[in-house]
Amino acid sequence: MCEPERTPDLTEERESFFESDTSLRVSSMAIFSSADFRQDGKIVVKVVMYASIFCSPAADEAKKFFPNAELKEILKRAQFEPGVKFQQSNDEIDIWLTNLRIISEKNSKWAFEFAGYARDDEALRTATDAISSASGISDFVFPTTSQTTYSKLPFLKFDGIASFIK
């Protein structure tokens, strides 16, 4: 468990591992919001990483394919911190995620699967446009969106998919 914004750093740490002709390359990741909080009230998330292990004299030269820069862009625009606290809307948070999966579909093609809440369709569209223009993640599709309430306030609940070719 960790703070959501630390997950790109954890990926870099794992992929910088090299010892005795062995290296690791992250092949997929899942980030889930949890009910756990730090003492200062910030949420912590559960992170699951799958990695490939390379064993050879050239293992340290194995390419790093994980889209870490793209993950950083997503975490800039969408947080795991709810946009509501004690039935009061937090105007600084327009969109937040409840889970995010990053899956390799061959080393250079990546699928992003995510679910969360947005203030409205405009906030969701603005966030996805900003992520797309800053990172190259494209083809955002939202198979499921529905109006719902979260802590008695109206929000848009969504499930989405996007892709990225590195």
C-alpha atoms as a PDB file:
ATOM      1  CA  MET A   1       0.000   0.000   0.000  1.00  0.00           C
ATOM      2  CA  CYS A   2       1.248   3.484  -0.812  1.00  0.00           C
ATOM      3  CA  GLU A   3       0.250   6.966  -1.869  1.00  0.00           C
ATOM      4  CA  PRO A   4      -1.025   6.958  -5.485  1.00  0.00           C
ATOM      5  CA  GLU A   5       1.518   9.534  -6.659  1.00  0.00           C
ATOM      6  CA  ARG A   6       4.381   7.230  -5.577  1.00  0.00           C
ATOM      7  CA  THR A   7       3.459   4.398  -7.963  1.00  0.00           C
ATOM      8  CA  PRO A   8       5.539   5.728 -10.909  1.00  0.00           C
ATOM      9  CA  ASP A   9       8.559   5.950  -8.579  1.00  0.00           C
ATOM     10  CA  LEU A  10       7.982   2.363  -7.433  1.00  0.00           C
ATOM     11  CA  THR A  11       7.901   1.218 -11.049  1.00  0.00           C
ATOM     12  CA  GLU A  12      11.173   2.993 -11.780  1.00  0.00           C
ATOM     13  CA  GLU A  13      12.751   1.425  -8.684  1.00  0.00           C
ATOM     14  CA  ARG A  14      11.675  -2.065  -9.763  1.00  0.00           C
ATOM     15  CA  GLU A  15      12.911  -1.576 -13.307  1.00  0.00           C
ATOM     16  CA  SER A  16      16.261  -0.195 -12.175  1.00  0.00           C
ATOM     17  CA  PHE A  17      16.977  -3.431 -10.287  1.00  0.00           C
ATOM     18  CA  PHE A  18      19.964  -5.262 -11.730  1.00  0.00           C
ATOM     19  CA  GLU A  19      22.013  -7.877  -9.968  1.00  0.00           C
ATOM     20  CA  SER A  20      23.936 -10.958 -11.116  1.00  0.00           C
ATOM     21  CA  ASP A  21      22.809 -10.639 -14.745  1.00  0.00           C
ATOM     22  CA  THR A  22      19.160 -10.374 -13.653  1.00  0.00           C
ATOM     23  CA  SER A  23      16.757  -7.493 -14.223  1.00  0.00           C
ATOM     24  CA  LEU A  24      13.024  -6.870 -13.805  1.00  0.00           C
ATOM     25  CA  ARG A  25      10.589  -5.269 -16.252  1.00  0.00           C
ATOM     26  CA  VAL A  26       7.066  -4.384 -15.133  1.00  0.00           C
ATOM     27  CA  SER A  27       4.539  -6.003 -17.468  1.00  0.00           C
ATOM     28  CA  SER A  28       1.281  -4.867 -15.843  1.00  0.00           C
ATOM     29  CA  MET A  29      -0.027  -2.964 -12.869  1.00  0.00           C
ATOM     30  CA  ALA A  30      -3.283  -2.543 -10.978  1.00  0.00           C
ATOM     31  CA  ILE A  31      -4.010   0.301  -8.579  1.00  0.00           C
ATOM     32  CA  PHE A  32      -7.080   0.067  -6.337  1.00  0.00           C
ATOM     33  CA  SER A  33      -8.402   2.645  -3.929  1.00  0.00           C
ATOM     34  CA  SER A  34      -8.712   1.382  -0.384  1.00  0.00           C
ATOM     35  CA  ALA A  35     -10.535   2.385   2.759  1.00  0.00           C
ATOM     36  CA  ASP A  36      -7.207   3.082   4.454  1.00  0.00           C
ATOM     37  CA  PHE A  37      -5.953   6.583   5.186  1.00  0.00           C
ATOM     38  CA  ARG A  38      -2.709   8.079   6.419  1.00  0.00           C
ATOM     39  CA  GLN A  39      -2.721  10.068   9.649  1.00  0.00           C
ATOM     40  CA  ASP A  40      -3.071  13.306   7.676  1.00  0.00           C
ATOM     41  CA  GLY A  41      -6.266  12.005   6.022  1.00  0.00           C
ATOM     42  CA  LYS A  42      -4.803  11.274   2.561  1.00  0.00           C
ATOM     43  CA  ILE A  43      -5.921   8.016   0.972  1.00  0.00           C
ATOM     44  CA  VAL A  44      -3.538   5.131   0.327  1.00  0.00           C
ATOM     45  CA  VAL A  45      -3.979   2.663  -2.530  1.00  0.00           C
ATOM     46  CA  LYS A  46      -3.230  -0.996  -3.096  1.00  0.00           C
ATOM     47  CA  VAL A  47      -0.771  -1.562  -5.929  1.00  0.00           C
ATOM     48  CA  VAL A  48      -0.196  -4.904  -7.634  1.00  0.00           C
ATOM     49  CA  MET A  49       2.654  -5.200 -10.148  1.00  0.00           C
ATOM     50  CA  TYR A  50       3.560  -8.098 -12.386  1.00  0.00           C
ATOM     51  CA  ALA A  51       7.075  -8.205 -13.739  1.00  0.00           C
ATOM     52  CA  SER A  52       9.147 -10.264 -16.132  1.00  0.00           C
ATOM     53  CA  ILE A  53      12.536 -11.444 -14.944  1.00  0.00           C
ATOM     54  CA  PHE A  54      15.384 -11.351 -17.449  1.00  0.00           C
ATOM     55  CA  CYS A  55      18.454 -13.482 -16.767  1.00  0.00           C
ATOM     56  CA  SER A  56      21.398 -13.034 -19.133  1.00  0.00           C
ATOM     57  CA  PRO A  57      24.650 -11.106 -19.331  1.00  0.00           C
ATOM     58  CA  ALA A  58      22.740  -8.390 -21.235  1.00  0.00           C
ATOM     59  CA  ALA A  59      19.781  -8.302 -18.819  1.00  0.00           C
ATOM     60  CA  ASP A  60      20.479  -4.713 -17.803  1.00  0.00           C
ATOM     61  CA  GLU A  61      19.986  -3.697 -21.447  1.00  0.00           C
ATOM     62  CA  ALA A  62      16.458  -5.136 -21.657  1.00  0.00           C
ATOM     63  CA  LYS A  63      14.169  -2.370 -22.870  1.00  0.00           C
ATOM     64  CA  LYS A  64      11.863  -0.673 -20.410  1.00  0.00           C
ATOM     65  CA  PHE A  65       8.444  -0.739 -22.021  1.00  0.00           C
ATOM     66  CA  PHE A  66       6.195   0.225 -19.112  1.00  0.00           C
ATOM     67  CA  PRO A  67       4.413   3.535 -19.884  1.00  0.00           C
ATOM     68  CA  ASN A  68       5.539   5.287 -16.709  1.00  0.00           C
ATOM     69  CA  ALA A  69       5.387   8.835 -18.134  1.00  0.00           C
ATOM     70  CA  GLU A  70       1.803   8.191 -19.242  1.00  0.00           C
ATOM     71  CA  LEU A  71       0.911   6.919 -15.760  1.00  0.00           C
ATOM     72  CA  LYS A  72       2.299  10.159 -14.315  1.00  0.00           C
ATOM     73  CA  GLU A  73       0.078  12.172 -16.701  1.00  0.00           C
ATOM     74  CA  ILE A  74      -3.005  10.232 -15.618  1.00  0.00           C
ATOM     75  CA  LEU A  75      -2.187  10.770 -11.946  1.00  0.00           C
ATOM     76  CA  LYS A  76      -1.764  14.530 -12.564  1.00  0.00           C
ATOM     77  CA  ARG A  77      -5.264  14.813 -14.004  1.00  0.00           C
ATOM     78  CA  ALA A  78      -7.176  12.148 -12.066  1.00  0.00           C
ATOM     79  CA  GLN A  79      -6.572  11.328  -8.443  1.00  0.00           C
ATOM     80  CA  PHE A  80      -7.611   8.490  -6.189  1.00  0.00           C
ATOM     81  CA  GLU A  81      -8.683  10.997  -3.554  1.00  0.00           C
ATOM     82  CA  PRO A  82     -12.518  11.309  -3.509  1.00  0.00           C
ATOM     83  CA  GLY A  83     -13.947  14.652  -4.560  1.00  0.00           C
ATOM     84  CA  VAL A  84     -16.216  14.559  -1.513  1.00  0.00           C
ATOM     85  CA  LYS A  85     -15.415  14.620   2.183  1.00  0.00           C
ATOM     86  CA  PHE A  86     -18.008  14.610   4.958  1.00  0.00           C
ATOM     87  CA  GLN A  87     -20.779  15.216   2.394  1.00  0.00           C
ATOM     88  CA  GLN A  88     -18.993  18.388   1.219  1.00  0.00           C
ATOM     89  CA  SER A  89     -17.805  18.685  -2.364  1.00  0.00           C
ATOM     90  CA  ASN A  90     -14.081  19.345  -2.868  1.00  0.00           C
ATOM     91  CA  ASP A  91     -13.973  21.786  -5.785  1.00  0.00           C
ATOM     92  CA  GLU A  92     -10.285  21.019  -6.474  1.00  0.00           C
ATOM     93  CA  ILE A  93     -11.064  17.433  -7.504  1.00  0.00           C
ATOM     94  CA  ASP A  94     -13.208  17.086 -10.649  1.00  0.00           C
ATOM     95  CA  ILE A  95     -12.400  13.450 -11.406  1.00  0.00           C
ATOM     96  CA  TRP A  96     -11.140  10.605  -9.255  1.00  0.00           C
ATOM     97  CA  LEU A  97     -10.380   6.974  -9.908  1.00  0.00           C
ATOM     98  CA  THR A  98     -11.379   3.932  -7.896  1.00  0.00           C
ATOM     99  CA  ASN A  99      -9.175   1.573  -9.890  1.00  0.00           C
ATOM    100  CA  LEU A 100      -6.724   1.642 -12.764  1.00  0.00           C
ATOM    101  CA  ARG A 101      -5.211  -1.305 -14.622  1.00  0.00           C
ATOM    102  CA  ILE A 102      -2.349  -1.008 -17.086  1.00  0.00           C
ATOM    103  CA  ILE A 103      -1.935  -4.148 -19.166  1.00  0.00           C
ATOM    104  CA  SER A 104       0.639  -5.020 -21.797  1.00  0.00           C
ATOM    105  CA  GLU A 105      -0.768  -6.256 -25.088  1.00  0.00           C
ATOM    106  CA  LYS A 106       2.647  -7.129 -26.530  1.00  0.00           C
ATOM    107  CA  ASN A 107       5.547  -5.053 -25.280  1.00  0.00           C
ATOM    108  CA  SER A 108       4.783  -1.858 -27.153  1.00  0.00           C
ATOM    109  CA  LYS A 109       0.971  -1.742 -26.936  1.00  0.00           C
ATOM    110  CA  TRP A 110      -0.702  -0.966 -23.629  1.00  0.00           C
ATOM    111  CA  ALA A 111      -4.323  -0.977 -22.492  1.00  0.00           C
ATOM    112  CA  PHE A 112      -5.505   1.279 -19.693  1.00  0.00           C
ATOM    113  CA  GLU A 113      -8.693   0.180 -17.937  1.00  0.00           C
ATOM    114  CA  PHE A 114     -10.127   2.488 -15.309  1.00  0.00           C
ATOM    115  CA  ALA A 115     -13.207   3.265 -13.246  1.00  0.00           C
ATOM    116  CA  GLY A 116     -14.118   6.252 -11.141  1.00  0.00           C
ATOM    117  CA  TYR A 117     -16.269   9.302 -10.669  1.00  0.00           C
ATOM    118  CA  ALA A 118     -16.433  12.714 -12.316  1.00  0.00           C
ATOM    119  CA  ARG A 119     -18.347  15.858 -11.475  1.00  0.00           C
ATOM    120  CA  ASP A 120     -20.027  15.703 -14.887  1.00  0.00           C
ATOM    121  CA  ASP A 121     -19.383  14.716 -18.527  1.00  0.00           C
ATOM    122  CA  GLU A 122     -17.578  17.991 -19.197  1.00  0.00           C
ATOM    123  CA  ALA A 123     -15.050  17.319 -16.396  1.00  0.00           C
ATOM    124  CA  LEU A 124     -14.487  13.808 -17.759  1.00  0.00           C
ATOM    125  CA  ARG A 125     -14.045  15.085 -21.325  1.00  0.00           C
ATOM    126  CA  THR A 126     -11.652  17.845 -20.196  1.00  0.00           C
ATOM    127  CA  ALA A 127      -9.503  15.370 -18.223  1.00  0.00           C
ATOM    128  CA  THR A 128      -9.319  12.804 -21.045  1.00  0.00           C
ATOM    129  CA  ASP A 129      -8.496  15.506 -23.614  1.00  0.00           C
ATOM    130  CA  ALA A 130      -5.699  16.830 -21.389  1.00  0.00           C
ATOM    131  CA  ILE A 131      -4.306  13.331 -20.785  1.00  0.00           C
ATOM    132  CA  SER A 132      -4.475  12.513 -24.498  1.00  0.00           C
ATOM    133  CA  SER A 133      -2.727  15.698 -25.638  1.00  0.00           C
ATOM    134  CA  ALA A 134       0.010  15.474 -22.975  1.00  0.00           C
ATOM    135  CA  SER A 135       0.776  11.755 -23.203  1.00  0.00           C
ATOM    136  CA  GLY A 136      -0.329  10.213 -26.463  1.00  0.00           C
ATOM    137  CA  ILE A 137      -2.832   7.910 -24.778  1.00  0.00           C
ATOM    138  CA  SER A 138      -5.684   7.653 -27.237  1.00  0.00           C
ATOM    139  CA  ASP A 139      -8.956   5.993 -28.082  1.00  0.00           C
ATOM    140  CA  PHE A 140     -10.710   6.766 -24.811  1.00  0.00           C
ATOM    141  CA  VAL A 141     -13.942   4.774 -24.740  1.00  0.00           C
ATOM    142  CA  PHE A 142     -16.492   4.762 -21.920  1.00  0.00           C
ATOM    143  CA  PRO A 143     -18.687   1.664 -22.248  1.00  0.00           C
ATOM    144  CA  THR A 144     -20.491   2.500 -19.013  1.00  0.00           C
ATOM    145  CA  THR A 145     -21.413   5.891 -17.630  1.00  0.00           C
ATOM    146  CA  SER A 146     -24.278   6.599 -15.277  1.00  0.00           C
ATOM    147  CA  GLN A 147     -25.528   9.382 -13.060  1.00  0.00           C
ATOM    148  CA  THR A 148     -25.264   8.414  -9.417  1.00  0.00           C
ATOM    149  CA  THR A 149     -24.848   9.893  -5.972  1.00  0.00           C
ATOM    150  CA  TYR A 150     -21.714   9.767  -3.865  1.00  0.00           C
ATOM    151  CA  SER A 151     -22.104  10.949  -0.267  1.00  0.00           C
ATOM    152  CA  LYS A 152     -25.519  12.289  -1.250  1.00  0.00           C
ATOM    153  CA  LEU A 153     -24.081  14.482  -4.033  1.00  0.00           C
ATOM    154  CA  PRO A 154     -24.645  13.916  -7.791  1.00  0.00           C
ATOM    155  CA  PHE A 155     -21.713  12.539  -9.818  1.00  0.00           C
ATOM    156  CA  LEU A 156     -21.065  10.663 -13.040  1.00  0.00           C
ATOM    157  CA  LYS A 157     -19.791   7.114 -12.471  1.00  0.00           C
ATOM    158  CA  PHE A 158     -17.728   5.738 -15.353  1.00  0.00           C
ATOM    159  CA  ASP A 159     -15.770   2.751 -16.640  1.00  0.00           C
ATOM    160  CA  GLY A 160     -13.296   3.431 -19.408  1.00  0.00           C
ATOM    161  CA  ILE A 161     -10.656   1.997 -21.678  1.00  0.00           C
ATOM    162  CA  ALA A 162      -7.791   3.686 -23.517  1.00  0.00           C
ATOM    163  CA  SER A 163      -4.748   2.517 -25.427  1.00  0.00           C
ATOM    164  CA  PHE A 164      -1.167   3.585 -25.916  1.00  0.00           C
ATOM    165  CA  ILE A 165       1.554   2.419 -28.285  1.00  0.00           C
ATOM    166  CA  LYS A 166       5.088   3.051 -27.048  1.00  0.00           C
END
